[in-house]
Amino acid sequence: MKSAGASLPIFFVIRRPKRQNPHFAMKDSDNPRRHLFLLISLLFIFVISPFVVPYYYGPTALNIIAAIVLLSATYAVSRRRSFFIFGLLFSIFTIGMTFWLAAAPTHWLIVISHGSLVILIIFFAAAILAYVLGSGKVTWDKIYGAVCAYLLLGYAWTFAYSLIEEMQPGSFTSLTSAMPHDLVGRVMQLRYFSFVTLATVGYGDIVPRLPAARTLALLEAILGQFYLVALVGRLIGLHIVHGGERKD
């Protein structure tokens, strides 16, 4: 006589799926256009900044908006909660420093504020590039992310140039007008120089004079060329190949 346990159907033996610990990982956003929205936001900030920064707390307002946009993108692509927490805390620190800088600008406050902005922007760019270069098929979202990181590198070099000019006055000279003494005007002029150098346009109206400034400008020009050719061009090529495979 068979036992009662032996007569049970085999499909009653079911393993419970393992639960992922929410403290160690974050799910990717299901929005396939998250980096397109980020790209549009960055371009919007780029366009409106000349009209906003002349106001007293204009740079602080732009810093807050940019931090919210970049934190949203980092949350969407990062699988590590620690990355998001670091970005959040460091963003709060840089916003506080920008607010303090607008109220009482001093030499070392400028150095700390712009140095922290360089670190924060590079962190966001690295977080996005980690998603872009990760496993999986090349999608338009990854291409948009690569362009976003490209723009962020231009912003990072902007504050790096300003940091050098603050530490070594006279590092840059302008052929059309003198380098402005006010911080906001100087940052806007160096932002223009940064993106012109990144795109290797080379108008020549702003010239790096001292060795540190020339070295940094040279590194940005090299990075700009390799980034567009080796990374963005490669991603677009792979996307076309993957698209052709799907059609076949």
C-alpha atoms as a PDB file:
ATOM      1  CA  MET A   1       0.000   0.000   0.000  1.00  0.00           C
ATOM      2  CA  LYS A   2       1.356   3.357  -1.050  1.00  0.00           C
ATOM      3  CA  SER A   3       1.815   6.028   1.534  1.00  0.00           C
ATOM      4  CA  ALA A   4      -0.191   9.224   1.296  1.00  0.00           C
ATOM      5  CA  GLY A   5       2.926  11.274   0.752  1.00  0.00           C
ATOM      6  CA  ALA A   6       3.988   9.206  -2.255  1.00  0.00           C
ATOM      7  CA  SER A   7       0.675   9.827  -4.067  1.00  0.00           C
ATOM      8  CA  LEU A   8       1.109  13.652  -4.159  1.00  0.00           C
ATOM      9  CA  PRO A   9       1.645  15.035  -7.706  1.00  0.00           C
ATOM     10  CA  ILE A  10       5.129  16.262  -8.401  1.00  0.00           C
ATOM     11  CA  PHE A  11       3.971  19.751  -9.397  1.00  0.00           C
ATOM     12  CA  PHE A  12       3.123  20.536  -5.771  1.00  0.00           C
ATOM     13  CA  VAL A  13       6.858  20.902  -5.087  1.00  0.00           C
ATOM     14  CA  ILE A  14       7.473  24.559  -5.913  1.00  0.00           C
ATOM     15  CA  ARG A  15      10.475  26.654  -4.976  1.00  0.00           C
ATOM     16  CA  ARG A  16       9.842  30.160  -3.851  1.00  0.00           C
ATOM     17  CA  PRO A  17      11.721  32.731  -5.914  1.00  0.00           C
ATOM     18  CA  LYS A  18      14.465  34.560  -4.095  1.00  0.00           C
ATOM     19  CA  ARG A  19      13.697  38.120  -3.222  1.00  0.00           C
ATOM     20  CA  GLN A  20      16.182  40.804  -4.103  1.00  0.00           C
ATOM     21  CA  ASN A  21      17.259  42.977  -1.255  1.00  0.00           C
ATOM     22  CA  PRO A  22      16.116  46.539  -2.029  1.00  0.00           C
ATOM     23  CA  HIS A  23      18.950  47.942   0.054  1.00  0.00           C
ATOM     24  CA  PHE A  24      21.611  46.682  -2.358  1.00  0.00           C
ATOM     25  CA  ALA A  25      20.064  47.323  -5.772  1.00  0.00           C
ATOM     26  CA  MET A  26      17.754  49.694  -7.522  1.00  0.00           C
ATOM     27  CA  LYS A  27      15.660  48.812 -10.534  1.00  0.00           C
ATOM     28  CA  ASP A  28      16.279  50.537 -13.818  1.00  0.00           C
ATOM     29  CA  SER A  29      13.573  52.831 -15.030  1.00  0.00           C
ATOM     30  CA  ASP A  30      11.245  51.374 -17.647  1.00  0.00           C
ATOM     31  CA  ASN A  31      11.241  54.672 -19.540  1.00  0.00           C
ATOM     32  CA  PRO A  32      13.218  54.063 -22.750  1.00  0.00           C
ATOM     33  CA  ARG A  33      13.647  57.806 -23.334  1.00  0.00           C
ATOM     34  CA  ARG A  34      14.974  58.905 -19.971  1.00  0.00           C
ATOM     35  CA  HIS A  35      18.248  60.180 -21.458  1.00  0.00           C
ATOM     36  CA  LEU A  36      16.434  62.005 -24.232  1.00  0.00           C
ATOM     37  CA  PHE A  37      14.622  63.982 -21.519  1.00  0.00           C
ATOM     38  CA  LEU A  38      17.951  64.518 -19.751  1.00  0.00           C
ATOM     39  CA  LEU A  39      19.548  65.759 -22.981  1.00  0.00           C
ATOM     40  CA  ILE A  40      16.705  68.207 -23.586  1.00  0.00           C
ATOM     41  CA  SER A  41      16.994  69.432 -19.971  1.00  0.00           C
ATOM     42  CA  LEU A  42      20.754  69.967 -20.277  1.00  0.00           C
ATOM     43  CA  LEU A  43      20.329  71.882 -23.537  1.00  0.00           C
ATOM     44  CA  PHE A  44      17.578  73.974 -21.931  1.00  0.00           C
ATOM     45  CA  ILE A  45      19.850  74.847 -18.992  1.00  0.00           C
ATOM     46  CA  PHE A  46      22.649  75.616 -21.456  1.00  0.00           C
ATOM     47  CA  VAL A  47      20.461  78.084 -23.385  1.00  0.00           C
ATOM     48  CA  ILE A  48      18.807  79.889 -20.471  1.00  0.00           C
ATOM     49  CA  SER A  49      21.892  80.171 -18.240  1.00  0.00           C
ATOM     50  CA  PRO A  50      23.179  83.469 -19.794  1.00  0.00           C
ATOM     51  CA  PHE A  51      19.838  85.076 -18.953  1.00  0.00           C
ATOM     52  CA  VAL A  52      19.589  83.656 -15.412  1.00  0.00           C
ATOM     53  CA  VAL A  53      23.109  83.802 -13.944  1.00  0.00           C
ATOM     54  CA  PRO A  54      23.346  87.633 -13.848  1.00  0.00           C
ATOM     55  CA  TYR A  55      20.732  87.638 -11.085  1.00  0.00           C
ATOM     56  CA  TYR A  56      21.918  87.438  -7.476  1.00  0.00           C
ATOM     57  CA  TYR A  57      20.913  83.831  -6.823  1.00  0.00           C
ATOM     58  CA  GLY A  58      20.754  82.820 -10.481  1.00  0.00           C
ATOM     59  CA  PRO A  59      23.722  80.403 -10.281  1.00  0.00           C
ATOM     60  CA  THR A  60      22.210  78.772  -7.187  1.00  0.00           C
ATOM     61  CA  ALA A  61      18.854  78.294  -8.926  1.00  0.00           C
ATOM     62  CA  LEU A  62      20.555  76.724 -11.953  1.00  0.00           C
ATOM     63  CA  ASN A  63      22.613  74.501  -9.663  1.00  0.00           C
ATOM     64  CA  ILE A  64      19.476  73.233  -7.929  1.00  0.00           C
ATOM     65  CA  ILE A  65      17.677  72.540 -11.227  1.00  0.00           C
ATOM     66  CA  ALA A  66      20.711  70.778 -12.704  1.00  0.00           C
ATOM     67  CA  ALA A  67      21.195  68.688  -9.549  1.00  0.00           C
ATOM     68  CA  ILE A  68      17.558  67.520  -9.612  1.00  0.00           C
ATOM     69  CA  VAL A  69      17.787  66.602 -13.297  1.00  0.00           C
ATOM     70  CA  LEU A  70      21.080  64.729 -12.903  1.00  0.00           C
ATOM     71  CA  LEU A  71      19.976  62.934  -9.743  1.00  0.00           C
ATOM     72  CA  SER A  72      16.873  61.713 -11.553  1.00  0.00           C
ATOM     73  CA  ALA A  73      19.013  60.324 -14.355  1.00  0.00           C
ATOM     74  CA  THR A  74      21.453  58.709 -11.926  1.00  0.00           C
ATOM     75  CA  TYR A  75      18.607  57.094  -9.994  1.00  0.00           C
ATOM     76  CA  ALA A  76      17.218  55.678 -13.226  1.00  0.00           C
ATOM     77  CA  VAL A  77      20.433  54.011 -14.379  1.00  0.00           C
ATOM     78  CA  SER A  78      22.361  53.212 -11.202  1.00  0.00           C
ATOM     79  CA  ARG A  79      21.923  49.783  -9.609  1.00  0.00           C
ATOM     80  CA  ARG A  80      23.710  50.819  -6.426  1.00  0.00           C
ATOM     81  CA  ARG A  81      21.851  52.857  -3.859  1.00  0.00           C
ATOM     82  CA  SER A  82      25.160  54.078  -2.435  1.00  0.00           C
ATOM     83  CA  PHE A  83      25.898  55.901  -5.714  1.00  0.00           C
ATOM     84  CA  PHE A  84      22.609  57.749  -5.540  1.00  0.00           C
ATOM     85  CA  ILE A  85      23.089  58.641  -1.870  1.00  0.00           C
ATOM     86  CA  PHE A  86      26.584  59.973  -2.581  1.00  0.00           C
ATOM     87  CA  GLY A  87      25.270  62.045  -5.487  1.00  0.00           C
ATOM     88  CA  LEU A  88      22.435  63.408  -3.351  1.00  0.00           C
ATOM     89  CA  LEU A  89      24.661  64.388  -0.416  1.00  0.00           C
ATOM     90  CA  PHE A  90      27.357  65.895  -2.626  1.00  0.00           C
ATOM     91  CA  SER A  91      24.724  67.818  -4.612  1.00  0.00           C
ATOM     92  CA  ILE A  92      23.375  69.318  -1.390  1.00  0.00           C
ATOM     93  CA  PHE A  93      26.919  70.298  -0.448  1.00  0.00           C
ATOM     94  CA  THR A  94      27.592  72.011  -3.796  1.00  0.00           C
ATOM     95  CA  ILE A  95      24.241  73.834  -3.687  1.00  0.00           C
ATOM     96  CA  GLY A  96      25.075  75.115  -0.217  1.00  0.00           C
ATOM     97  CA  MET A  97      28.515  76.234  -1.382  1.00  0.00           C
ATOM     98  CA  THR A  98      27.030  78.033  -4.393  1.00  0.00           C
ATOM     99  CA  PHE A  99      24.522  79.808  -2.159  1.00  0.00           C
ATOM    100  CA  TRP A 100      27.313  80.834   0.230  1.00  0.00           C
ATOM    101  CA  LEU A 101      29.505  81.930  -2.677  1.00  0.00           C
ATOM    102  CA  ALA A 102      26.785  84.223  -4.000  1.00  0.00           C
ATOM    103  CA  ALA A 103      26.455  85.838  -0.559  1.00  0.00           C
ATOM    104  CA  ALA A 104      30.157  86.229   0.284  1.00  0.00           C
ATOM    105  CA  PRO A 105      32.636  85.341  -2.478  1.00  0.00           C
ATOM    106  CA  THR A 106      36.166  84.669  -1.260  1.00  0.00           C
ATOM    107  CA  HIS A 107      39.219  83.044  -2.827  1.00  0.00           C
ATOM    108  CA  TRP A 108      39.109  79.741  -0.946  1.00  0.00           C
ATOM    109  CA  LEU A 109      35.330  79.548  -1.157  1.00  0.00           C
ATOM    110  CA  ILE A 110      35.607  79.763  -4.949  1.00  0.00           C
ATOM    111  CA  VAL A 111      38.284  77.050  -4.935  1.00  0.00           C
ATOM    112  CA  ILE A 112      36.198  74.692  -2.783  1.00  0.00           C
ATOM    113  CA  SER A 113      32.942  75.396  -4.635  1.00  0.00           C
ATOM    114  CA  HIS A 114      34.318  74.952  -8.143  1.00  0.00           C
ATOM    115  CA  GLY A 115      36.468  72.006  -7.132  1.00  0.00           C
ATOM    116  CA  SER A 116      33.428  70.226  -5.694  1.00  0.00           C
ATOM    117  CA  LEU A 117      31.451  71.004  -8.862  1.00  0.00           C
ATOM    118  CA  VAL A 118      34.152  69.382 -10.993  1.00  0.00           C
ATOM    119  CA  ILE A 119      34.010  66.229  -8.849  1.00  0.00           C
ATOM    120  CA  LEU A 120      30.191  66.127  -8.859  1.00  0.00           C
ATOM    121  CA  ILE A 121      29.819  66.625 -12.617  1.00  0.00           C
ATOM    122  CA  ILE A 122      32.457  63.988 -13.380  1.00  0.00           C
ATOM    123  CA  PHE A 123      30.640  61.612 -11.009  1.00  0.00           C
ATOM    124  CA  PHE A 124      27.360  62.082 -12.876  1.00  0.00           C
ATOM    125  CA  ALA A 125      29.103  61.677 -16.242  1.00  0.00           C
ATOM    126  CA  ALA A 126      30.789  58.471 -15.041  1.00  0.00           C
ATOM    127  CA  ALA A 127      27.472  57.086 -13.743  1.00  0.00           C
ATOM    128  CA  ILE A 128      25.820  57.692 -17.110  1.00  0.00           C
ATOM    129  CA  LEU A 129      28.779  56.238 -19.036  1.00  0.00           C
ATOM    130  CA  ALA A 130      28.650  53.117 -16.864  1.00  0.00           C
ATOM    131  CA  TYR A 131      25.106  52.586 -18.121  1.00  0.00           C
ATOM    132  CA  VAL A 132      26.028  53.431 -21.720  1.00  0.00           C
ATOM    133  CA  LEU A 133      28.965  51.012 -21.789  1.00  0.00           C
ATOM    134  CA  GLY A 134      27.125  48.294 -19.872  1.00  0.00           C
ATOM    135  CA  SER A 135      25.937  44.992 -21.259  1.00  0.00           C
ATOM    136  CA  GLY A 136      22.977  44.762 -23.577  1.00  0.00           C
ATOM    137  CA  LYS A 137      22.051  46.030 -27.017  1.00  0.00           C
ATOM    138  CA  VAL A 138      22.856  49.571 -28.062  1.00  0.00           C
ATOM    139  CA  THR A 139      19.635  51.563 -27.991  1.00  0.00           C
ATOM    140  CA  TRP A 140      18.864  55.172 -28.775  1.00  0.00           C
ATOM    141  CA  ASP A 141      18.653  55.777 -25.036  1.00  0.00           C
ATOM    142  CA  LYS A 142      22.312  54.781 -24.666  1.00  0.00           C
ATOM    143  CA  ILE A 143      23.286  57.089 -27.529  1.00  0.00           C
ATOM    144  CA  TYR A 144      21.410  59.956 -25.867  1.00  0.00           C
ATOM    145  CA  GLY A 145      23.212  59.095 -22.611  1.00  0.00           C
ATOM    146  CA  ALA A 146      26.583  59.287 -24.360  1.00  0.00           C
ATOM    147  CA  VAL A 147      25.739  62.758 -25.687  1.00  0.00           C
ATOM    148  CA  CYS A 148      24.638  63.828 -22.183  1.00  0.00           C
ATOM    149  CA  ALA A 149      27.979  62.686 -20.757  1.00  0.00           C
ATOM    150  CA  TYR A 150      29.727  64.641 -23.523  1.00  0.00           C
ATOM    151  CA  LEU A 151      27.952  67.834 -22.466  1.00  0.00           C
ATOM    152  CA  LEU A 152      28.716  67.163 -18.801  1.00  0.00           C
ATOM    153  CA  LEU A 153      32.426  66.847 -19.595  1.00  0.00           C
ATOM    154  CA  GLY A 154      32.278  70.311 -21.164  1.00  0.00           C
ATOM    155  CA  TYR A 155      30.762  71.669 -17.948  1.00  0.00           C
ATOM    156  CA  ALA A 156      33.365  69.889 -15.816  1.00  0.00           C
ATOM    157  CA  TRP A 157      36.194  71.493 -17.798  1.00  0.00           C
ATOM    158  CA  THR A 158      34.476  74.874 -17.436  1.00  0.00           C
ATOM    159  CA  PHE A 159      34.830  74.842 -13.657  1.00  0.00           C
ATOM    160  CA  ALA A 160      38.291  73.283 -13.901  1.00  0.00           C
ATOM    161  CA  TYR A 161      39.390  76.259 -16.029  1.00  0.00           C
ATOM    162  CA  SER A 162      37.812  78.666 -13.552  1.00  0.00           C
ATOM    163  CA  LEU A 163      39.636  76.878 -10.743  1.00  0.00           C
ATOM    164  CA  ILE A 164      42.972  77.299 -12.534  1.00  0.00           C
ATOM    165  CA  GLU A 165      42.264  80.970 -13.235  1.00  0.00           C
ATOM    166  CA  GLU A 166      41.455  81.476  -9.557  1.00  0.00           C
ATOM    167  CA  MET A 167      44.620  79.709  -8.406  1.00  0.00           C
ATOM    168  CA  GLN A 168      46.845  81.265 -11.093  1.00  0.00           C
ATOM    169  CA  PRO A 169      45.396  84.592 -12.289  1.00  0.00           C
ATOM    170  CA  GLY A 170      46.264  85.340 -15.888  1.00  0.00           C
ATOM    171  CA  SER A 171      46.101  81.696 -17.005  1.00  0.00           C
ATOM    172  CA  PHE A 172      43.759  82.770 -19.812  1.00  0.00           C
ATOM    173  CA  THR A 173      43.692  85.872 -21.950  1.00  0.00           C
ATOM    174  CA  SER A 174      41.007  87.149 -24.298  1.00  0.00           C
ATOM    175  CA  LEU A 175      41.939  88.896 -27.539  1.00  0.00           C
ATOM    176  CA  THR A 176      38.641  90.759 -27.797  1.00  0.00           C
ATOM    177  CA  SER A 177      38.051  91.748 -24.170  1.00  0.00           C
ATOM    178  CA  ALA A 178      39.774  91.342 -20.834  1.00  0.00           C
ATOM    179  CA  MET A 179      38.943  88.317 -18.723  1.00  0.00           C
ATOM    180  CA  PRO A 180      36.156  89.625 -16.459  1.00  0.00           C
ATOM    181  CA  HIS A 181      36.914  90.088 -12.779  1.00  0.00           C
ATOM    182  CA  ASP A 182      33.399  89.126 -11.686  1.00  0.00           C
ATOM    183  CA  LEU A 183      33.048  85.400 -11.086  1.00  0.00           C
ATOM    184  CA  VAL A 184      29.837  84.881 -13.060  1.00  0.00           C
ATOM    185  CA  GLY A 185      31.173  86.639 -16.155  1.00  0.00           C
ATOM    186  CA  ARG A 186      34.396  84.668 -15.970  1.00  0.00           C
ATOM    187  CA  VAL A 187      32.583  81.328 -15.688  1.00  0.00           C
ATOM    188  CA  MET A 188      30.370  82.161 -18.680  1.00  0.00           C
ATOM    189  CA  GLN A 189      33.391  83.130 -20.765  1.00  0.00           C
ATOM    190  CA  LEU A 190      35.258  79.970 -19.762  1.00  0.00           C
ATOM    191  CA  ARG A 191      32.174  77.875 -20.506  1.00  0.00           C
ATOM    192  CA  TYR A 192      32.292  79.220 -24.040  1.00  0.00           C
ATOM    193  CA  PHE A 193      36.015  78.413 -24.240  1.00  0.00           C
ATOM    194  CA  SER A 194      35.442  74.912 -22.835  1.00  0.00           C
ATOM    195  CA  PHE A 195      32.856  73.846 -25.402  1.00  0.00           C
ATOM    196  CA  VAL A 196      34.752  75.474 -28.265  1.00  0.00           C
ATOM    197  CA  THR A 197      37.822  73.481 -27.200  1.00  0.00           C
ATOM    198  CA  LEU A 198      35.829  70.276 -26.689  1.00  0.00           C
ATOM    199  CA  ALA A 199      34.439  70.574 -30.225  1.00  0.00           C
ATOM    200  CA  THR A 200      37.950  71.591 -31.462  1.00  0.00           C
ATOM    201  CA  VAL A 201      36.512  74.624 -33.248  1.00  0.00           C
ATOM    202  CA  GLY A 202      39.378  76.844 -32.092  1.00  0.00           C
ATOM    203  CA  TYR A 203      38.254  80.421 -32.730  1.00  0.00           C
ATOM    204  CA  GLY A 204      41.324  81.719 -30.917  1.00  0.00           C
ATOM    205  CA  ASP A 205      39.588  84.633 -29.185  1.00  0.00           C
ATOM    206  CA  ILE A 206      40.427  83.119 -25.763  1.00  0.00           C
ATOM    207  CA  VAL A 207      43.931  81.731 -25.349  1.00  0.00           C
ATOM    208  CA  PRO A 208      45.450  79.691 -22.480  1.00  0.00           C
ATOM    209  CA  ARG A 209      48.745  81.335 -21.475  1.00  0.00           C
ATOM    210  CA  LEU A 210      50.186  79.354 -18.559  1.00  0.00           C
ATOM    211  CA  PRO A 211      51.328  75.701 -18.758  1.00  0.00           C
ATOM    212  CA  ALA A 212      48.557  74.295 -16.528  1.00  0.00           C
ATOM    213  CA  ALA A 213      45.829  75.961 -18.587  1.00  0.00           C
ATOM    214  CA  ARG A 214      47.400  74.827 -21.872  1.00  0.00           C
ATOM    215  CA  THR A 215      47.731  71.243 -20.647  1.00  0.00           C
ATOM    216  CA  LEU A 216      44.097  71.124 -19.539  1.00  0.00           C
ATOM    217  CA  ALA A 217      42.916  72.622 -22.837  1.00  0.00           C
ATOM    218  CA  LEU A 218      44.984  70.100 -24.778  1.00  0.00           C
ATOM    219  CA  LEU A 219      43.517  67.186 -22.797  1.00  0.00           C
ATOM    220  CA  GLU A 220      39.981  68.439 -23.434  1.00  0.00           C
ATOM    221  CA  ALA A 221      40.604  68.777 -27.179  1.00  0.00           C
ATOM    222  CA  ILE A 222      42.006  65.229 -27.360  1.00  0.00           C
ATOM    223  CA  LEU A 223      39.109  63.870 -25.311  1.00  0.00           C
ATOM    224  CA  GLY A 224      36.559  65.654 -27.489  1.00  0.00           C
ATOM    225  CA  GLN A 225      37.934  64.092 -30.677  1.00  0.00           C
ATOM    226  CA  PHE A 226      38.273  60.560 -29.305  1.00  0.00           C
ATOM    227  CA  TYR A 227      34.898  60.727 -27.578  1.00  0.00           C
ATOM    228  CA  LEU A 228      32.917  61.557 -30.703  1.00  0.00           C
ATOM    229  CA  VAL A 229      34.838  59.246 -33.034  1.00  0.00           C
ATOM    230  CA  ALA A 230      35.576  56.256 -30.807  1.00  0.00           C
ATOM    231  CA  LEU A 231      32.536  56.214 -28.511  1.00  0.00           C
ATOM    232  CA  VAL A 232      29.540  57.971 -30.038  1.00  0.00           C
ATOM    233  CA  GLY A 233      30.422  56.873 -33.586  1.00  0.00           C
ATOM    234  CA  ARG A 234      30.918  53.304 -32.405  1.00  0.00           C
ATOM    235  CA  LEU A 235      27.593  53.286 -30.536  1.00  0.00           C
ATOM    236  CA  ILE A 236      25.703  54.569 -33.581  1.00  0.00           C
ATOM    237  CA  GLY A 237      27.398  51.932 -35.754  1.00  0.00           C
ATOM    238  CA  LEU A 238      26.448  49.137 -33.358  1.00  0.00           C
ATOM    239  CA  HIS A 239      22.892  50.444 -33.158  1.00  0.00           C
ATOM    240  CA  ILE A 240      22.601  50.314 -36.956  1.00  0.00           C
ATOM    241  CA  VAL A 241      24.015  46.768 -36.993  1.00  0.00           C
ATOM    242  CA  HIS A 242      21.612  45.585 -34.289  1.00  0.00           C
ATOM    243  CA  GLY A 243      18.715  47.210 -36.118  1.00  0.00           C
ATOM    244  CA  GLY A 244      19.653  45.394 -39.340  1.00  0.00           C
ATOM    245  CA  GLU A 245      19.843  42.071 -37.485  1.00  0.00           C
ATOM    246  CA  ARG A 246      16.339  42.517 -36.090  1.00  0.00           C
ATOM    247  CA  LYS A 247      14.953  43.193 -39.581  1.00  0.00           C
ATOM    248  CA  ASP A 248      16.610  40.050 -40.943  1.00  0.00           C
END
